[in-house]
Protein backbone atom coordinates (compact mmCIF):
# COMPACT_ATOMS: atom_id res chain seq x y z
CA MET A 1 -85.51 -34.53 -202.89
CA PRO A 2 -88.58 -36.17 -201.40
CA ARG A 3 -89.57 -34.99 -197.96
CA VAL A 4 -89.35 -37.56 -195.20
CA GLY A 5 -92.41 -37.44 -192.96
CA GLY A 6 -92.66 -38.78 -189.44
CA GLU A 7 -94.63 -41.76 -188.27
CA LYS A 8 -95.99 -41.89 -184.74
CA SER A 9 -94.81 -45.47 -184.26
CA MET A 10 -91.15 -44.58 -184.82
CA ASN A 11 -89.66 -42.18 -182.33
CA GLY A 12 -86.21 -40.89 -181.57
CA ILE A 13 -82.99 -41.64 -183.37
CA LEU A 14 -84.03 -45.16 -184.46
CA GLY A 15 -87.15 -43.78 -186.07
CA PHE A 16 -85.12 -41.10 -187.80
CA PHE A 17 -82.79 -43.67 -189.38
CA ALA A 18 -85.63 -46.04 -190.20
CA ARG A 19 -87.39 -43.25 -192.11
CA ILE A 20 -84.22 -42.31 -193.98
CA LEU A 21 -83.61 -45.94 -194.95
CA GLY A 22 -87.21 -46.31 -196.06
CA LEU A 23 -88.16 -48.83 -193.39
CA GLY A 24 -91.58 -48.94 -191.84
CA ASN A 25 -94.83 -47.45 -192.98
CA ASN A 26 -94.85 -45.17 -196.06
CA LYS A 27 -98.07 -43.51 -194.97
CA GLY A 28 -97.72 -39.77 -194.58
CA ARG A 29 -94.63 -39.30 -196.73
CA ASN A 30 -93.93 -38.76 -200.39
CA LYS A 31 -92.78 -41.82 -202.28
CA MET A 32 -89.71 -41.58 -204.45
CA THR A 33 -90.52 -40.88 -208.11
CA ARG A 34 -89.62 -43.82 -210.34
CA VAL A 35 -88.35 -43.03 -213.83
CA LEU A 36 -87.99 -45.60 -216.62
CA ILE A 37 -85.15 -44.82 -219.04
CA VAL A 38 -85.62 -46.48 -222.45
CA ASP A 39 -82.41 -46.10 -224.46
CA ASP A 40 -80.18 -48.53 -226.35
CA SER A 41 -77.01 -46.59 -225.46
CA PRO A 42 -75.46 -47.71 -222.16
CA THR A 43 -73.60 -44.37 -222.02
CA GLU A 44 -76.76 -42.27 -222.43
CA THR A 45 -78.60 -44.46 -219.92
CA HIS A 46 -75.76 -43.98 -217.43
CA VAL A 47 -75.75 -40.19 -217.89
CA LEU A 48 -79.52 -39.91 -217.33
CA LYS A 49 -79.46 -42.38 -214.44
CA THR A 50 -76.66 -40.44 -212.71
CA ILE A 51 -78.53 -37.12 -213.01
CA LEU A 52 -81.79 -38.62 -211.78
CA GLU A 53 -80.41 -40.61 -208.85
CA LYS A 54 -78.31 -37.65 -207.70
CA ASN A 55 -81.56 -35.68 -207.52
CA GLY A 56 -83.56 -38.24 -205.54
CA TYR A 57 -85.26 -40.25 -208.29
CA GLN A 58 -85.32 -44.04 -208.54
CA THR A 59 -84.50 -45.40 -211.98
CA LEU A 60 -85.38 -48.41 -214.08
CA SER A 61 -84.03 -49.03 -217.55
CA ALA A 62 -84.78 -50.91 -220.75
CA PRO A 63 -82.53 -51.18 -223.83
CA ASN A 64 -85.25 -50.97 -226.49
CA GLY A 65 -88.88 -50.09 -227.14
CA GLU A 66 -90.27 -53.59 -226.71
CA GLU A 67 -88.67 -54.08 -223.30
CA GLY A 68 -89.59 -50.52 -222.35
CA ILE A 69 -93.27 -51.30 -222.87
CA GLU A 70 -92.96 -54.52 -220.86
CA VAL A 71 -91.22 -52.75 -217.96
CA ALA A 72 -93.77 -49.92 -218.04
CA LYS A 73 -96.62 -52.42 -217.79
CA THR A 74 -95.10 -54.49 -214.98
CA GLU A 75 -93.38 -51.79 -212.91
CA LYS A 76 -95.76 -48.84 -213.49
CA PRO A 77 -93.11 -46.07 -213.32
CA ASP A 78 -94.15 -42.49 -212.64
CA LEU A 79 -92.45 -41.26 -215.83
CA VAL A 80 -90.72 -42.61 -218.95
CA LEU A 81 -87.70 -41.03 -220.69
CA MET A 82 -87.77 -42.42 -224.24
CA ASP A 83 -85.02 -42.40 -226.87
CA VAL A 84 -86.21 -42.49 -230.49
CA VAL A 85 -83.49 -44.23 -232.52
CA MET A 86 -83.38 -47.82 -231.26
CA PRO A 87 -83.34 -51.22 -232.97
CA GLY A 88 -86.70 -52.93 -233.37
CA LEU A 89 -89.56 -50.87 -232.02
CA ASN A 90 -88.44 -47.24 -232.16
CA GLY A 91 -89.24 -44.62 -229.54
CA TYR A 92 -92.09 -43.06 -231.52
CA GLN A 93 -93.79 -46.45 -231.86
CA ALA A 94 -93.24 -47.32 -228.20
CA THR A 95 -94.55 -43.91 -227.09
CA ARG A 96 -97.66 -44.36 -229.22
CA ARG A 97 -98.32 -47.81 -227.71
CA LEU A 98 -97.81 -46.58 -224.15
CA SER A 99 -100.01 -43.52 -224.62
CA ARG A 100 -102.85 -45.49 -226.24
CA ASP A 101 -102.88 -48.45 -223.86
CA PRO A 102 -105.29 -47.89 -220.93
CA GLU A 103 -102.83 -49.77 -218.70
CA THR A 104 -100.05 -47.20 -219.32
CA SER A 105 -101.72 -44.11 -220.77
CA ASN A 106 -101.47 -42.25 -217.45
CA ILE A 107 -97.64 -42.51 -217.44
CA PRO A 108 -96.12 -39.35 -218.95
CA VAL A 109 -93.45 -39.88 -221.62
CA ILE A 110 -90.65 -37.42 -222.35
CA ILE A 111 -88.78 -38.11 -225.57
CA VAL A 112 -85.02 -37.58 -225.15
CA THR A 113 -83.26 -37.92 -228.51
CA THR A 114 -80.62 -36.60 -230.88
CA LYS A 115 -83.31 -35.95 -233.51
CA ASN A 116 -83.50 -32.17 -233.50
CA GLN A 117 -85.74 -31.21 -236.41
CA GLU A 118 -89.05 -29.46 -235.69
CA THR A 119 -90.89 -32.21 -237.62
CA ASP A 120 -89.35 -34.81 -235.28
CA LYS A 121 -90.62 -32.90 -232.24
CA VAL A 122 -94.10 -32.46 -233.70
CA TRP A 123 -94.27 -36.17 -234.58
CA GLY A 124 -93.12 -37.19 -231.09
CA LEU A 125 -95.75 -35.04 -229.42
CA ARG A 126 -98.41 -36.41 -231.79
CA GLN A 127 -97.49 -39.94 -230.62
CA GLY A 128 -98.44 -38.97 -227.07
CA ALA A 129 -95.21 -37.62 -225.57
CA LYS A 130 -95.75 -34.85 -223.01
CA ALA A 131 -92.39 -33.20 -223.79
CA TYR A 132 -89.44 -33.48 -226.18
CA LEU A 133 -85.78 -32.89 -225.31
CA VAL A 134 -82.77 -32.94 -227.63
CA LYS A 135 -79.52 -34.60 -226.50
CA PRO A 136 -77.22 -33.66 -225.02
CA VAL A 137 -79.64 -32.50 -222.34
CA SER A 138 -78.54 -30.42 -219.38
CA GLU A 139 -79.34 -31.47 -215.84
CA THR A 140 -81.39 -28.32 -215.25
CA GLU A 141 -83.36 -28.73 -218.48
CA LEU A 142 -84.11 -32.39 -217.72
CA LEU A 143 -85.23 -31.76 -214.14
CA ASP A 144 -87.34 -28.76 -215.14
CA ARG A 145 -89.08 -30.75 -217.87
CA ILE A 146 -89.72 -33.68 -215.52
CA LYS A 147 -91.32 -31.34 -212.97
CA SER A 148 -93.45 -29.74 -215.69
CA VAL A 149 -95.03 -33.03 -216.80
CA MET A 150 -95.48 -34.69 -213.41
CA PRO A 151 -99.01 -34.42 -211.97
């Protein structure tokens, strides 16, 4: 969970609560990591969102590759969790676009999919993904992989 730092302008109990609620100046404290979940399954999105939010991450979501790219460009998340099998632009295509666009190439992508063949993993990493996880993913595995790809 992100550490809450103190600001000189907020003292005492009011300052304590203001910091917890995220009010006031963010200078001197870690910002909450924002993760974009791109998955067409509301159930899978909910599972990932629950794990992430329980562990102090903020989440955004998009139901397909096209919208995932749009959200990544407008919101600039710290990380993207990308499904592969989606209608329209699939996760491999969306990952390739994100990793090759100067506007989004600095955002790490972790592919999270049911595709479990070694060739799938190799292809995903060749598209620019920093890591590849196979569903169902455990909470520990997900959090460890996120920490490993974050700068």
